[in-house]
Every structure is written in structure tokens, then in C-alpha cells.
């Protein structure tokens, strides 16, 4: 949710992700932040609004948001196995 109003490409989020991990944020939280910034950023959604119908855009936002949340929880649960 924090990453949605931000705009950055994936390379711009890497230093932020490294800083979050260094400060003790969990892996799933950082991964979810990176995905939300690149997928659900406000400028991207404004551009998509011009290209696709509002109903499809709402479906895209819902599916992506739910997927990002699930991936975040999954990686948080499996963090100690993965690292």
C-alpha cells in the first residue's frame, strides 16, 4: 500500500529495498513493496486507464494487489527457510 503512490522503475527500488532489509524489514515486506511500486504506481495506472476499460483496470488492480499480498505473506512465512 505504501508503494502505490510512488513511481520508480525496478532499478530505482533496489537501493530502497536494500536499505529496508538492512533496517530489519522482512523479506516478504520488501518484495511486496518492490512489486507494488512497479506494478501499481499511480502514473502507471493513469497511463493504463487511457488504454484499457475501467472494469478491466479494476480487475487488474485487484488481481495484482491480492497477488502481491499473498506473495508477501508467503515469503515472510518462508523467510527463514530461504535465507
Protein backbone atom coordinates (compact mmCIF):
# COMPACT_ATOMS: atom_id res chain seq x y z
CA UNK A 1 0.00 0.00 0.00
CA UNK A 2 2.91 2.35 0.72
CA UNK A 3 4.40 1.74 -2.71
CA UNK A 4 1.27 2.50 -4.72
CA UNK A 5 1.55 6.31 -4.91
CA UNK A 6 5.29 6.14 -5.60
CA UNK A 7 6.77 5.97 -9.06
CA UNK A 8 10.02 4.17 -9.72
CA UNK A 9 11.28 1.51 -12.04
CA UNK A 10 12.59 -1.74 -10.65
CA UNK A 11 16.16 -0.43 -10.61
CA UNK A 12 15.14 2.57 -8.54
CA UNK A 13 13.62 0.36 -5.87
CA UNK A 14 16.71 -1.82 -5.35
CA UNK A 15 18.58 0.68 -3.12
CA UNK A 16 15.40 1.28 -1.12
CA UNK A 17 14.91 -2.48 -0.76
CA UNK A 18 18.49 -2.93 0.41
CA UNK A 19 18.02 -0.19 2.99
CA UNK A 20 14.78 -1.73 4.23
CA UNK A 21 16.43 -5.14 4.58
CA UNK A 22 19.39 -3.59 6.39
CA UNK A 23 16.99 -1.90 8.84
CA UNK A 24 15.34 -5.24 9.62
CA UNK A 25 12.29 -5.37 7.36
CA UNK A 26 11.16 -8.85 6.46
CA UNK A 27 11.87 -10.24 3.00
CA UNK A 28 8.20 -10.55 2.02
CA UNK A 29 7.51 -6.96 3.00
CA UNK A 30 10.40 -5.68 0.90
CA UNK A 31 9.44 -7.87 -2.05
CA UNK A 32 5.83 -6.69 -1.85
CA UNK A 33 6.99 -3.09 -1.74
CA UNK A 34 9.12 -3.57 -4.85
CA UNK A 35 6.28 -5.23 -6.75
CA UNK A 36 3.71 -2.62 -5.71
CA UNK A 37 5.93 0.29 -6.72
CA UNK A 38 6.48 -1.11 -10.20
CA UNK A 39 3.06 -2.63 -10.82
CA UNK A 40 0.53 -0.39 -9.08
CA UNK A 41 2.17 3.02 -9.21
CA UNK A 42 -0.20 5.91 -9.76
CA UNK A 43 1.43 7.11 -13.02
CA UNK A 44 1.27 3.58 -14.46
CA UNK A 45 -2.40 3.29 -13.57
CA UNK A 46 -3.14 6.67 -15.15
CA UNK A 47 -1.49 5.52 -18.39
CA UNK A 48 -3.31 2.18 -18.28
CA UNK A 49 -6.62 3.99 -17.78
CA UNK A 50 -6.23 5.51 -21.23
CA UNK A 51 -5.51 2.14 -22.85
CA UNK A 52 -7.99 -0.26 -21.24
CA UNK A 53 -11.56 -0.15 -20.00
CA UNK A 54 -12.22 0.84 -16.36
CA UNK A 55 -13.69 -2.56 -15.50
CA UNK A 56 -10.58 -4.35 -16.76
CA UNK A 57 -8.34 -1.87 -14.94
CA UNK A 58 -10.19 -2.54 -11.68
CA UNK A 59 -9.74 -6.28 -12.23
CA UNK A 60 -6.03 -5.76 -12.93
CA UNK A 61 -5.59 -3.72 -9.75
CA UNK A 62 -7.48 -6.28 -7.66
CA UNK A 63 -5.64 -9.31 -9.01
CA UNK A 64 -2.24 -7.63 -8.70
CA UNK A 65 -2.92 -6.33 -5.18
CA UNK A 66 -4.13 -9.71 -3.93
CA UNK A 67 -1.22 -11.47 -5.63
CA UNK A 68 1.31 -9.08 -4.14
CA UNK A 69 -0.16 -9.52 -0.65
CA UNK A 70 -0.12 -13.32 -0.97
CA UNK A 71 3.48 -13.34 -2.20
CA UNK A 72 4.48 -11.04 0.66
CA UNK A 73 2.91 -13.25 3.30
CA UNK A 74 4.34 -16.39 1.67
CA UNK A 75 7.87 -15.01 1.60
CA UNK A 76 7.54 -13.76 5.18
CA UNK A 77 6.46 -17.23 6.26
CA UNK A 78 9.27 -18.93 4.34
CA UNK A 79 11.94 -16.29 5.02
CA UNK A 80 13.92 -18.38 7.45
CA UNK A 81 14.00 -21.33 5.05
CA UNK A 82 15.05 -19.18 2.07
CA UNK A 83 17.80 -17.18 3.76
